[in-house]
N, C-alpha and C. Protein backbone atom coordinates (compact mmCIF):
# COMPACT_ATOMS: atom_id res chain seq x y z
N UNK A 1 57.05 249.25 66.41
CA UNK A 1 56.75 247.93 66.99
C UNK A 1 58.05 247.35 67.54
N UNK A 2 58.01 246.88 68.79
CA UNK A 2 59.21 246.37 69.43
C UNK A 2 59.66 245.06 68.82
N UNK A 3 60.90 244.83 68.96
CA UNK A 3 61.49 243.59 68.44
C UNK A 3 61.46 242.51 69.52
N UNK A 4 60.99 241.34 69.15
CA UNK A 4 60.92 240.21 70.09
C UNK A 4 62.33 239.70 70.34
N UNK A 5 62.75 239.62 71.58
CA UNK A 5 64.11 239.15 71.85
C UNK A 5 64.32 237.74 71.33
N UNK A 6 65.50 237.54 70.83
CA UNK A 6 65.82 236.20 70.29
C UNK A 6 65.83 235.17 71.41
N UNK A 7 65.32 233.99 71.07
CA UNK A 7 65.28 232.91 72.06
C UNK A 7 66.69 232.46 72.39
N UNK A 8 66.89 232.23 73.65
CA UNK A 8 68.20 231.77 74.09
C UNK A 8 68.39 230.31 73.70
N UNK A 9 69.39 230.02 72.90
CA UNK A 9 69.57 228.62 72.49
C UNK A 9 69.90 227.74 73.69
N UNK A 10 69.38 226.52 73.61
CA UNK A 10 69.66 225.56 74.68
C UNK A 10 71.09 225.08 74.56
N UNK A 11 71.71 225.00 75.68
CA UNK A 11 73.09 224.53 75.69
C UNK A 11 73.14 223.14 76.30
N UNK A 12 73.89 222.30 75.70
CA UNK A 12 74.04 220.93 76.20
C UNK A 12 75.41 220.83 76.84
N UNK A 13 75.41 220.63 78.12
CA UNK A 13 76.66 220.55 78.84
C UNK A 13 77.28 219.17 78.65
N UNK A 14 78.54 219.15 78.42
CA UNK A 14 79.24 217.88 78.28
C UNK A 14 79.20 217.12 79.60
N UNK A 15 78.95 215.84 79.55
CA UNK A 15 78.89 215.06 80.79
C UNK A 15 80.23 215.08 81.52
N UNK A 16 80.15 215.20 82.81
CA UNK A 16 81.37 215.21 83.62
C UNK A 16 81.91 213.80 83.75
N UNK A 17 83.16 213.71 84.18
CA UNK A 17 83.80 212.42 84.36
C UNK A 17 83.07 211.60 85.43
N UNK A 18 82.62 212.30 86.49
CA UNK A 18 81.91 211.59 87.54
C UNK A 18 80.60 211.00 87.04
N UNK A 19 79.90 211.75 86.19
CA UNK A 19 78.64 211.24 85.65
C UNK A 19 78.89 210.05 84.74
N UNK A 20 79.93 210.13 83.91
CA UNK A 20 80.24 209.01 83.03
C UNK A 20 80.60 207.75 83.82
N UNK A 21 81.40 207.94 84.87
CA UNK A 21 81.76 206.80 85.70
C UNK A 21 80.53 206.21 86.39
N UNK A 22 79.63 207.10 86.83
CA UNK A 22 78.41 206.62 87.46
C UNK A 22 77.55 205.82 86.50
N UNK A 23 77.44 206.29 85.24
CA UNK A 23 76.66 205.57 84.25
C UNK A 23 77.28 204.20 83.96
N UNK A 24 78.60 204.16 83.91
CA UNK A 24 79.28 202.88 83.66
C UNK A 24 79.03 201.90 84.79
N UNK A 25 79.09 202.40 86.03
CA UNK A 25 78.85 201.54 87.19
C UNK A 25 77.42 201.02 87.18
N UNK A 26 76.45 201.92 86.92
CA UNK A 26 75.05 201.50 86.90
C UNK A 26 74.79 200.52 85.76
N UNK A 27 75.43 200.72 84.62
CA UNK A 27 75.26 199.79 83.51
C UNK A 27 75.80 198.42 83.88
N UNK A 28 76.95 198.39 84.55
CA UNK A 28 77.53 197.12 84.97
C UNK A 28 76.63 196.42 85.98
N UNK A 29 76.08 197.17 86.92
CA UNK A 29 75.19 196.56 87.92
C UNK A 29 73.91 196.03 87.27
N UNK A 30 73.33 196.81 86.35
CA UNK A 30 72.12 196.35 85.68
C UNK A 30 72.41 195.10 84.84
N UNK A 31 73.58 195.07 84.22
CA UNK A 31 73.95 193.89 83.43
C UNK A 31 74.09 192.66 84.32
N UNK A 32 74.74 192.82 85.48
CA UNK A 32 74.89 191.71 86.40
C UNK A 32 73.55 191.22 86.91
N UNK A 33 72.65 192.14 87.22
CA UNK A 33 71.32 191.76 87.69
C UNK A 33 70.57 190.99 86.62
N UNK A 34 70.59 191.51 85.39
CA UNK A 34 69.87 190.85 84.30
C UNK A 34 70.44 189.46 84.04
N UNK A 35 71.75 189.39 83.82
CA UNK A 35 72.37 188.12 83.47
C UNK A 35 72.29 187.13 84.62
N UNK A 36 72.60 187.58 85.83
CA UNK A 36 72.63 186.67 86.97
C UNK A 36 71.27 186.07 87.29
N UNK A 37 70.25 186.91 87.44
CA UNK A 37 68.93 186.41 87.80
C UNK A 37 68.28 185.64 86.66
N UNK A 38 68.45 186.14 85.42
CA UNK A 38 67.86 185.44 84.29
C UNK A 38 68.50 184.08 84.09
N UNK A 39 69.82 184.01 84.20
CA UNK A 39 70.51 182.74 84.05
C UNK A 39 70.09 181.76 85.13
N UNK A 40 69.97 182.22 86.37
CA UNK A 40 69.56 181.34 87.47
C UNK A 40 68.14 180.83 87.26
N UNK A 41 67.23 181.71 86.86
CA UNK A 41 65.84 181.29 86.64
C UNK A 41 65.70 180.31 85.50
N UNK A 42 66.40 180.57 84.40
CA UNK A 42 66.32 179.67 83.26
C UNK A 42 66.95 178.32 83.55
N UNK A 43 68.08 178.33 84.25
CA UNK A 43 68.72 177.06 84.61
C UNK A 43 67.80 176.24 85.52
N UNK A 44 67.12 176.91 86.45
CA UNK A 44 66.18 176.21 87.32
C UNK A 44 65.03 175.62 86.52
N UNK A 45 64.54 176.35 85.53
CA UNK A 45 63.47 175.83 84.70
C UNK A 45 63.89 174.57 83.95
N UNK A 46 65.05 174.62 83.31
CA UNK A 46 65.51 173.47 82.54
C UNK A 46 65.77 172.27 83.45
N UNK A 47 66.39 172.52 84.59
CA UNK A 47 66.67 171.44 85.54
C UNK A 47 65.37 170.83 86.06
N UNK A 48 64.39 171.69 86.38
CA UNK A 48 63.11 171.18 86.87
C UNK A 48 62.39 170.33 85.86
N UNK A 49 62.43 170.75 84.59
CA UNK A 49 61.76 169.97 83.54
C UNK A 49 62.40 168.60 83.39
N UNK A 50 63.73 168.55 83.38
CA UNK A 50 64.43 167.27 83.20
C UNK A 50 64.17 166.34 84.39
N UNK A 51 64.22 166.88 85.60
CA UNK A 51 64.00 166.06 86.80
C UNK A 51 62.59 165.48 86.79
N UNK A 52 61.60 166.30 86.44
CA UNK A 52 60.22 165.79 86.41
C UNK A 52 60.05 164.70 85.37
N UNK A 53 60.66 164.87 84.21
CA UNK A 53 60.53 163.86 83.17
C UNK A 53 61.25 162.57 83.55
N UNK A 54 62.32 162.68 84.32
CA UNK A 54 63.04 161.48 84.75
C UNK A 54 62.34 160.75 85.89
N UNK A 55 61.70 161.51 86.78
CA UNK A 55 61.10 160.90 87.97
C UNK A 55 59.68 160.43 87.76
N UNK A 56 58.96 161.11 86.87
CA UNK A 56 57.54 160.79 86.69
C UNK A 56 57.31 160.27 85.27
N UNK A 57 56.69 159.13 85.17
CA UNK A 57 56.33 158.56 83.87
C UNK A 57 54.81 158.41 83.85
N UNK A 58 54.11 159.44 83.40
CA UNK A 58 52.65 159.40 83.47
C UNK A 58 52.07 158.31 82.58
N UNK A 59 51.13 157.57 83.14
CA UNK A 59 50.48 156.51 82.38
C UNK A 59 49.01 156.75 82.20
N UNK A 60 48.49 157.83 82.80
CA UNK A 60 47.08 158.16 82.66
C UNK A 60 46.91 159.68 82.75
N UNK A 61 45.66 160.11 82.72
CA UNK A 61 45.38 161.55 82.73
C UNK A 61 45.89 162.21 83.99
N UNK A 62 45.73 161.55 85.14
CA UNK A 62 46.19 162.14 86.40
C UNK A 62 47.71 162.29 86.42
N UNK A 63 48.39 161.35 85.81
CA UNK A 63 49.84 161.48 85.73
C UNK A 63 50.27 162.67 84.91
N UNK A 64 49.60 162.89 83.79
CA UNK A 64 49.92 164.06 82.96
C UNK A 64 49.59 165.36 83.70
N UNK A 65 48.48 165.37 84.41
CA UNK A 65 48.12 166.56 85.16
C UNK A 65 49.14 166.84 86.27
N UNK A 66 49.65 165.76 86.89
CA UNK A 66 50.65 165.95 87.94
C UNK A 66 51.93 166.53 87.37
N UNK A 67 52.36 166.02 86.21
CA UNK A 67 53.56 166.56 85.56
C UNK A 67 53.34 168.01 85.17
N UNK A 68 52.16 168.31 84.60
CA UNK A 68 51.87 169.68 84.21
C UNK A 68 51.87 170.63 85.39
N UNK A 69 51.32 170.18 86.52
CA UNK A 69 51.31 171.03 87.71
C UNK A 69 52.73 171.26 88.22
N UNK A 70 53.53 170.21 88.22
CA UNK A 70 54.92 170.35 88.66
C UNK A 70 55.71 171.29 87.76
N UNK A 71 55.48 171.19 86.45
CA UNK A 71 56.15 172.09 85.52
C UNK A 71 55.72 173.53 85.73
N UNK A 72 54.42 173.73 85.92
CA UNK A 72 53.92 175.09 86.14
C UNK A 72 54.49 175.69 87.42
N UNK A 73 54.60 174.86 88.47
CA UNK A 73 55.15 175.35 89.73
C UNK A 73 56.64 175.69 89.58
N UNK A 74 57.39 174.79 88.97
CA UNK A 74 58.82 175.05 88.77
C UNK A 74 59.04 176.27 87.89
N UNK A 75 58.23 176.39 86.83
CA UNK A 75 58.35 177.55 85.96
C UNK A 75 58.00 178.84 86.66
N UNK A 76 57.01 178.79 87.55
CA UNK A 76 56.65 180.00 88.31
C UNK A 76 57.77 180.45 89.23
N UNK A 77 58.43 179.48 89.87
CA UNK A 77 59.55 179.83 90.76
C UNK A 77 60.71 180.42 89.94
N UNK A 78 61.03 179.75 88.82
CA UNK A 78 62.07 180.29 87.96
C UNK A 78 61.72 181.66 87.41
N UNK A 79 60.45 181.84 87.05
CA UNK A 79 60.00 183.13 86.54
C UNK A 79 60.08 184.23 87.58
N UNK A 80 59.81 183.88 88.84
CA UNK A 80 59.92 184.88 89.91
C UNK A 80 61.37 185.36 90.05
N UNK A 81 62.31 184.42 89.93
CA UNK A 81 63.73 184.81 90.00
C UNK A 81 64.09 185.72 88.83
N UNK A 82 63.66 185.33 87.62
CA UNK A 82 63.94 186.14 86.44
C UNK A 82 63.28 187.50 86.57
N UNK A 83 62.02 187.52 87.01
CA UNK A 83 61.28 188.76 87.11
C UNK A 83 61.89 189.75 88.09
N UNK A 84 62.36 189.25 89.22
CA UNK A 84 62.98 190.13 90.21
C UNK A 84 64.23 190.78 89.62
N UNK A 85 65.05 189.98 88.97
CA UNK A 85 66.27 190.53 88.38
C UNK A 85 66.00 191.54 87.29
N UNK A 86 65.03 191.24 86.43
CA UNK A 86 64.74 192.15 85.34
C UNK A 86 64.11 193.45 85.83
N UNK A 87 63.23 193.37 86.81
CA UNK A 87 62.64 194.60 87.36
C UNK A 87 63.72 195.46 88.01
N UNK A 88 64.62 194.84 88.75
CA UNK A 88 65.70 195.60 89.37
C UNK A 88 66.62 196.22 88.32
N UNK A 89 66.86 195.48 87.22
CA UNK A 89 67.72 196.00 86.17
C UNK A 89 67.06 197.14 85.40
N UNK A 90 65.72 197.10 85.30
CA UNK A 90 65.01 198.09 84.49
C UNK A 90 64.31 199.16 85.33
N UNK A 91 64.61 199.24 86.60
CA UNK A 91 63.86 200.16 87.48
C UNK A 91 64.03 201.61 87.06
N UNK A 92 65.07 201.92 86.31
CA UNK A 92 65.26 203.29 85.84
C UNK A 92 64.17 203.71 84.86
N UNK A 93 63.60 202.75 84.12
CA UNK A 93 62.64 203.06 83.07
C UNK A 93 61.22 202.59 83.39
N UNK A 94 61.01 201.88 84.48
CA UNK A 94 59.69 201.37 84.83
C UNK A 94 59.20 202.00 86.12
N UNK A 95 57.95 202.48 86.13
CA UNK A 95 57.37 202.99 87.37
C UNK A 95 56.84 201.80 88.18
N UNK A 96 56.16 202.12 89.28
CA UNK A 96 55.70 201.05 90.16
C UNK A 96 54.73 200.09 89.50
N UNK A 97 53.73 200.64 88.77
CA UNK A 97 52.74 199.78 88.13
C UNK A 97 53.38 198.94 87.03
N UNK A 98 54.26 199.55 86.24
CA UNK A 98 54.92 198.81 85.17
C UNK A 98 55.84 197.73 85.73
N UNK A 99 56.50 198.01 86.83
CA UNK A 99 57.38 197.01 87.45
C UNK A 99 56.57 195.82 87.93
N UNK A 100 55.42 196.10 88.56
CA UNK A 100 54.57 195.01 89.05
C UNK A 100 54.03 194.18 87.89
N UNK A 101 53.59 194.86 86.83
CA UNK A 101 53.10 194.14 85.66
C UNK A 101 54.18 193.31 85.00
N UNK A 102 55.39 193.86 84.95
CA UNK A 102 56.51 193.14 84.35
C UNK A 102 56.82 191.87 85.15
N UNK A 103 56.81 191.99 86.47
CA UNK A 103 57.12 190.83 87.31
C UNK A 103 56.09 189.72 87.12
N UNK A 104 54.81 190.05 87.20
CA UNK A 104 53.78 189.01 87.11
C UNK A 104 53.70 188.44 85.69
N UNK A 105 53.96 189.27 84.67
CA UNK A 105 53.96 188.73 83.31
C UNK A 105 55.11 187.76 83.12
N UNK A 106 56.23 188.01 83.78
CA UNK A 106 57.37 187.10 83.68
C UNK A 106 57.10 185.78 84.38
N UNK A 107 56.46 185.84 85.54
CA UNK A 107 56.09 184.60 86.25
C UNK A 107 55.13 183.78 85.41
N UNK A 108 54.09 184.43 84.87
CA UNK A 108 53.13 183.72 84.03
C UNK A 108 53.80 183.17 82.78
N UNK A 109 54.66 183.98 82.16
CA UNK A 109 55.34 183.54 80.94
C UNK A 109 56.23 182.32 81.21
N UNK A 110 56.98 182.36 82.29
CA UNK A 110 57.88 181.25 82.61
C UNK A 110 57.11 179.98 82.90
N UNK A 111 56.05 180.09 83.69
CA UNK A 111 55.26 178.92 84.04
C UNK A 111 54.61 178.30 82.81
N UNK A 112 53.98 179.12 81.99
CA UNK A 112 53.31 178.61 80.79
C UNK A 112 54.30 178.07 79.78
N UNK A 113 55.43 178.77 79.64
CA UNK A 113 56.43 178.34 78.65
C UNK A 113 57.05 177.00 79.01
N UNK A 114 57.27 176.76 80.30
CA UNK A 114 57.88 175.50 80.70
C UNK A 114 56.94 174.34 80.44
N UNK A 115 55.65 174.54 80.68
CA UNK A 115 54.67 173.49 80.39
C UNK A 115 54.60 173.24 78.89
N UNK A 116 54.44 174.31 78.11
CA UNK A 116 54.28 174.17 76.66
C UNK A 116 55.55 173.61 76.03
N UNK A 117 56.71 174.12 76.43
CA UNK A 117 57.96 173.66 75.84
C UNK A 117 58.25 172.20 76.15
N UNK A 118 58.00 171.79 77.40
CA UNK A 118 58.27 170.40 77.79
C UNK A 118 57.35 169.44 77.05
N UNK A 119 56.07 169.79 76.99
CA UNK A 119 55.13 168.91 76.29
C UNK A 119 55.44 168.84 74.80
N UNK A 120 55.80 169.99 74.19
CA UNK A 120 56.15 169.98 72.77
C UNK A 120 57.40 169.15 72.52
N UNK A 121 58.42 169.32 73.37
CA UNK A 121 59.64 168.53 73.22
C UNK A 121 59.39 167.05 73.43
N UNK A 122 58.51 166.74 74.37
CA UNK A 122 58.19 165.34 74.64
C UNK A 122 57.53 164.68 73.43
N UNK A 123 56.57 165.41 72.84
CA UNK A 123 55.87 164.85 71.67
C UNK A 123 56.81 164.66 70.49
N UNK A 124 57.67 165.65 70.21
CA UNK A 124 58.60 165.55 69.09
C UNK A 124 59.64 164.47 69.36
N UNK A 125 60.01 164.34 70.62
CA UNK A 125 61.02 163.33 70.99
C UNK A 125 60.57 161.92 70.62
N UNK A 126 59.31 161.61 70.82
CA UNK A 126 58.81 160.26 70.52
C UNK A 126 58.88 159.95 69.04
N UNK A 127 58.86 160.99 68.19
CA UNK A 127 58.85 160.76 66.74
C UNK A 127 60.20 161.00 66.09
N UNK A 128 61.03 161.89 66.67
CA UNK A 128 62.26 162.27 65.97
C UNK A 128 63.51 162.11 66.81
N UNK A 129 63.43 161.65 68.05
CA UNK A 129 64.62 161.42 68.84
C UNK A 129 64.93 162.53 69.84
N UNK A 130 65.98 162.29 70.63
CA UNK A 130 66.29 163.18 71.74
C UNK A 130 66.67 164.59 71.31
N UNK A 131 67.65 164.70 70.40
CA UNK A 131 68.18 166.01 70.05
C UNK A 131 67.11 166.91 69.44
N UNK A 132 66.38 166.38 68.46
CA UNK A 132 65.33 167.16 67.82
C UNK A 132 64.23 167.52 68.83
N UNK A 133 63.94 166.59 69.72
CA UNK A 133 62.94 166.87 70.74
C UNK A 133 63.36 167.98 71.67
N UNK A 134 64.64 167.97 72.10
CA UNK A 134 65.14 169.03 72.98
C UNK A 134 65.08 170.38 72.29
N UNK A 135 65.57 170.43 71.05
CA UNK A 135 65.61 171.71 70.34
C UNK A 135 64.20 172.22 70.05
N UNK A 136 63.29 171.34 69.70
CA UNK A 136 61.90 171.75 69.47
C UNK A 136 61.27 172.28 70.75
N UNK A 137 61.57 171.60 71.86
CA UNK A 137 61.00 172.02 73.13
C UNK A 137 61.48 173.40 73.57
N UNK A 138 62.78 173.67 73.40
CA UNK A 138 63.29 174.96 73.84
C UNK A 138 62.82 176.09 72.92
N UNK A 139 62.62 175.80 71.63
CA UNK A 139 62.08 176.82 70.73
C UNK A 139 60.65 177.16 71.12
N UNK A 140 59.86 176.12 71.41
CA UNK A 140 58.49 176.36 71.86
C UNK A 140 58.49 177.13 73.18
N UNK A 141 59.41 176.78 74.07
CA UNK A 141 59.55 177.49 75.34
C UNK A 141 59.82 178.97 75.09
N UNK A 142 60.80 179.27 74.21
CA UNK A 142 61.15 180.66 73.96
C UNK A 142 60.02 181.44 73.31
N UNK A 143 59.28 180.82 72.40
CA UNK A 143 58.17 181.50 71.74
C UNK A 143 57.07 181.87 72.73
N UNK A 144 56.69 180.92 73.57
CA UNK A 144 55.64 181.18 74.55
C UNK A 144 56.11 182.21 75.57
N UNK A 145 57.34 182.07 76.05
CA UNK A 145 57.87 183.01 77.03
C UNK A 145 57.89 184.42 76.45
N UNK A 146 58.41 184.57 75.23
CA UNK A 146 58.49 185.89 74.62
C UNK A 146 57.14 186.50 74.37
N UNK A 147 56.17 185.69 73.94
CA UNK A 147 54.83 186.21 73.64
C UNK A 147 54.13 186.71 74.90
N UNK A 148 54.22 185.96 75.99
CA UNK A 148 53.53 186.36 77.21
C UNK A 148 54.26 187.47 77.96
N UNK A 149 55.58 187.55 77.79
CA UNK A 149 56.33 188.62 78.44
C UNK A 149 56.40 189.89 77.60
N UNK A 150 55.93 189.82 76.37
CA UNK A 150 56.00 190.93 75.43
C UNK A 150 55.42 192.23 75.96
N UNK A 151 54.30 192.23 76.72
CA UNK A 151 53.77 193.51 77.20
C UNK A 151 54.77 194.32 78.03
N UNK A 152 55.77 193.66 78.63
CA UNK A 152 56.79 194.39 79.38
C UNK A 152 57.49 195.41 78.49
N UNK A 153 57.68 195.06 77.21
CA UNK A 153 58.41 195.93 76.31
C UNK A 153 57.55 196.98 75.63
N UNK A 154 56.23 196.92 75.83
CA UNK A 154 55.38 197.94 75.25
C UNK A 154 55.73 199.33 75.76
N UNK A 155 56.30 199.39 76.96
CA UNK A 155 56.69 200.67 77.53
C UNK A 155 58.00 201.19 76.92
N UNK A 156 58.79 200.30 76.35
CA UNK A 156 60.16 200.66 76.02
C UNK A 156 60.53 200.45 74.55
N UNK A 157 59.77 199.68 73.81
CA UNK A 157 60.14 199.37 72.43
C UNK A 157 58.97 199.63 71.50
N UNK A 158 59.30 200.09 70.29
CA UNK A 158 58.26 200.39 69.31
C UNK A 158 57.63 199.12 68.77
N UNK A 159 58.41 198.10 68.52
CA UNK A 159 57.91 196.84 67.98
C UNK A 159 58.22 195.73 68.97
N UNK A 160 57.38 195.62 69.99
CA UNK A 160 57.66 194.66 71.05
C UNK A 160 57.48 193.22 70.61
N UNK A 161 56.80 192.99 69.47
CA UNK A 161 56.59 191.61 69.03
C UNK A 161 57.91 190.92 68.66
N UNK A 162 58.96 191.70 68.40
CA UNK A 162 60.26 191.11 68.10
C UNK A 162 60.82 190.35 69.30
N UNK A 163 60.24 190.59 70.47
CA UNK A 163 60.68 189.88 71.67
C UNK A 163 60.41 188.38 71.55
N UNK A 164 59.42 187.99 70.74
CA UNK A 164 59.09 186.56 70.58
C UNK A 164 60.22 185.82 69.85
N UNK A 165 60.60 186.23 68.63
CA UNK A 165 61.72 185.52 67.98
C UNK A 165 63.04 185.69 68.73
N UNK A 166 63.22 186.81 69.44
CA UNK A 166 64.45 186.98 70.22
C UNK A 166 64.55 185.94 71.31
N UNK A 167 63.44 185.66 72.01
CA UNK A 167 63.45 184.66 73.06
C UNK A 167 63.58 183.25 72.49
N UNK A 168 62.94 183.01 71.34
CA UNK A 168 63.07 181.69 70.72
C UNK A 168 64.52 181.43 70.31
N UNK A 169 65.16 182.43 69.70
CA UNK A 169 66.56 182.27 69.30
C UNK A 169 67.47 182.10 70.51
N UNK A 170 67.19 182.86 71.59
CA UNK A 170 68.00 182.76 72.80
C UNK A 170 67.90 181.36 73.42
N UNK A 171 66.67 180.82 73.47
CA UNK A 171 66.49 179.48 74.03
C UNK A 171 67.18 178.43 73.18
N UNK A 172 67.10 178.57 71.86
CA UNK A 172 67.74 177.61 70.96
C UNK A 172 69.27 177.66 71.10
N UNK A 173 69.83 178.86 71.12
CA UNK A 173 71.27 179.00 71.26
C UNK A 173 71.74 178.49 72.63
N UNK A 174 70.93 178.72 73.64
CA UNK A 174 71.27 178.22 74.97
C UNK A 174 71.32 176.70 75.00
N UNK A 175 70.33 176.07 74.38
CA UNK A 175 70.31 174.61 74.33
C UNK A 175 71.50 174.07 73.54
N UNK A 176 71.84 174.73 72.43
CA UNK A 176 73.00 174.30 71.64
C UNK A 176 74.28 174.44 72.44
N UNK A 177 74.38 175.52 73.22
CA UNK A 177 75.55 175.69 74.07
C UNK A 177 75.67 174.61 75.11
N UNK A 178 74.55 174.22 75.69
CA UNK A 178 74.56 173.16 76.69
C UNK A 178 74.94 171.82 76.07
N UNK A 179 74.39 171.53 74.89
CA UNK A 179 74.74 170.28 74.21
C UNK A 179 76.20 170.27 73.79
N UNK A 180 76.71 171.42 73.36
CA UNK A 180 78.12 171.50 72.98
C UNK A 180 79.02 171.24 74.18
N UNK A 181 78.66 171.80 75.33
CA UNK A 181 79.45 171.57 76.54
C UNK A 181 79.43 170.09 76.92
N UNK A 182 78.30 169.46 76.73
CA UNK A 182 78.19 168.04 77.03
C UNK A 182 79.10 167.21 76.12
N UNK A 183 79.12 167.56 74.82
CA UNK A 183 79.95 166.83 73.87
C UNK A 183 81.44 167.06 74.14
N UNK A 184 81.80 168.32 74.41
CA UNK A 184 83.21 168.63 74.66
C UNK A 184 83.73 167.90 75.89
N UNK A 185 82.86 167.74 76.88
CA UNK A 185 83.28 167.08 78.12
C UNK A 185 83.33 165.56 77.98
N UNK A 186 82.95 165.05 76.83
CA UNK A 186 82.95 163.60 76.64
C UNK A 186 81.73 162.93 77.24
N UNK A 187 80.68 163.72 77.48
CA UNK A 187 79.45 163.15 78.01
C UNK A 187 79.44 162.95 79.50
N UNK A 188 80.38 163.56 80.21
CA UNK A 188 80.40 163.40 81.67
C UNK A 188 79.28 164.23 82.29
N UNK A 189 78.46 163.60 83.08
CA UNK A 189 77.29 164.25 83.62
C UNK A 189 77.64 165.36 84.63
N UNK A 190 78.78 165.24 85.28
CA UNK A 190 79.10 166.25 86.27
C UNK A 190 79.43 167.59 85.63
N UNK A 191 79.74 167.60 84.33
CA UNK A 191 80.02 168.86 83.65
C UNK A 191 78.84 169.33 82.81
N UNK A 192 77.77 168.53 82.76
CA UNK A 192 76.58 168.96 82.04
C UNK A 192 75.76 169.84 82.98
N UNK A 193 76.07 171.12 82.99
CA UNK A 193 75.42 172.05 83.91
C UNK A 193 74.41 172.90 83.14
N UNK A 194 73.25 173.06 83.73
CA UNK A 194 72.19 173.82 83.06
C UNK A 194 72.47 175.32 83.08
N UNK A 195 73.53 175.73 83.78
CA UNK A 195 73.84 177.16 83.77
C UNK A 195 74.24 177.64 82.38
N UNK A 196 74.72 176.74 81.53
CA UNK A 196 75.10 177.16 80.18
C UNK A 196 73.91 177.71 79.41
N UNK A 197 72.81 176.98 79.44
CA UNK A 197 71.63 177.46 78.73
C UNK A 197 71.13 178.76 79.34
N UNK A 198 71.24 178.88 80.66
CA UNK A 198 70.78 180.11 81.32
C UNK A 198 71.62 181.32 80.97
N UNK A 199 72.94 181.15 80.99
CA UNK A 199 73.82 182.28 80.70
C UNK A 199 73.67 182.73 79.25
N UNK A 200 73.66 181.77 78.32
CA UNK A 200 73.50 182.13 76.91
C UNK A 200 72.16 182.83 76.69
N UNK A 201 71.11 182.29 77.27
CA UNK A 201 69.77 182.89 77.14
C UNK A 201 69.78 184.32 77.68
N UNK A 202 70.38 184.53 78.84
CA UNK A 202 70.40 185.85 79.45
C UNK A 202 71.17 186.85 78.59
N UNK A 203 72.31 186.44 78.06
CA UNK A 203 73.13 187.34 77.25
C UNK A 203 72.41 187.71 75.95
N UNK A 204 71.84 186.72 75.27
CA UNK A 204 71.18 186.99 73.99
C UNK A 204 69.95 187.87 74.19
N UNK A 205 69.11 187.57 75.18
CA UNK A 205 67.94 188.41 75.42
C UNK A 205 68.34 189.80 75.89
N UNK A 206 69.43 189.89 76.65
CA UNK A 206 69.90 191.20 77.10
C UNK A 206 70.33 192.06 75.93
N UNK A 207 71.07 191.49 74.98
CA UNK A 207 71.48 192.24 73.80
C UNK A 207 70.27 192.62 72.95
N UNK A 208 69.31 191.71 72.84
CA UNK A 208 68.09 192.02 72.08
C UNK A 208 67.32 193.16 72.74
N UNK A 209 67.26 193.15 74.07
CA UNK A 209 66.56 194.22 74.77
C UNK A 209 67.24 195.57 74.55
N UNK A 210 68.57 195.58 74.62
CA UNK A 210 69.30 196.83 74.40
C UNK A 210 69.03 197.38 73.00
N UNK A 211 69.00 196.51 72.01
CA UNK A 211 68.75 196.97 70.64
C UNK A 211 67.31 197.46 70.48
N UNK A 212 66.35 196.74 71.03
CA UNK A 212 64.94 197.10 70.87
C UNK A 212 64.58 198.38 71.61
N UNK A 213 65.24 198.64 72.72
CA UNK A 213 64.89 199.80 73.55
C UNK A 213 65.84 200.98 73.33
N UNK A 214 66.64 200.94 72.27
CA UNK A 214 67.67 201.96 72.10
C UNK A 214 67.10 203.38 71.99
N UNK A 215 65.96 203.55 71.31
CA UNK A 215 65.39 204.89 71.15
C UNK A 215 64.88 205.43 72.48
N UNK A 216 64.22 204.59 73.26
CA UNK A 216 63.72 205.02 74.56
C UNK A 216 64.84 205.38 75.49
N UNK A 217 65.89 204.60 75.50
CA UNK A 217 67.01 204.89 76.39
C UNK A 217 67.73 206.16 75.99
N UNK A 218 67.80 206.43 74.69
CA UNK A 218 68.40 207.69 74.25
C UNK A 218 67.57 208.88 74.69
N UNK A 219 66.23 208.72 74.63
CA UNK A 219 65.36 209.81 75.06
C UNK A 219 65.53 210.09 76.56
N UNK A 220 65.61 209.03 77.35
CA UNK A 220 65.82 209.22 78.80
C UNK A 220 67.18 209.84 79.08
N UNK A 221 68.18 209.47 78.29
CA UNK A 221 69.52 209.99 78.52
C UNK A 221 69.59 211.49 78.23
N UNK A 222 68.64 212.02 77.42
CA UNK A 222 68.66 213.43 77.09
C UNK A 222 68.16 214.32 78.20
N UNK A 223 67.50 213.74 79.19
CA UNK A 223 66.97 214.54 80.30
C UNK A 223 68.06 214.84 81.31
């Protein structure tokens, strides 16, 4: 009986310097896309909510509906900005259908979260003051945003539900960063920029995404 030839062991070639440099460049570009677009979208959301609350004082049902519509519209625009950046940053791991689903889930999440977070902060504000109202509103914003955007991570993470507390923590830390900048500046309005909450939110969610998707990214890197 003939002997079956031994299987040729698979060899793993060490990555070349050019490949490593390419991966570093692509990682930097994806990071810039994620942080830049997410920060811009979140800053627009926070700015839109504050402007609407300052300009409109609803006294009846129609007034509340007008504020809600304005918040939903502002949140949708901010979500579109965030969604474009995230899809571009994740295009290596998302096909066409997943990219489209990710974009629309982000728009819906942003729009719904801005309405829910603003209304929650408004209600808490009347009972507990400005600071508690702001922090409660941004936590509600992060929870709703993370819950509705969670299906995006079903493709990439084993436990995508962790995206909910990650977004809530990111929103809370972003708000604290913005309030800290306001205090450090002595309360000068020209230095109270909503980009602080956006940048902190983008960095925290980006780190959470990297941790949650680590197994999937390792699998892709093996090909």
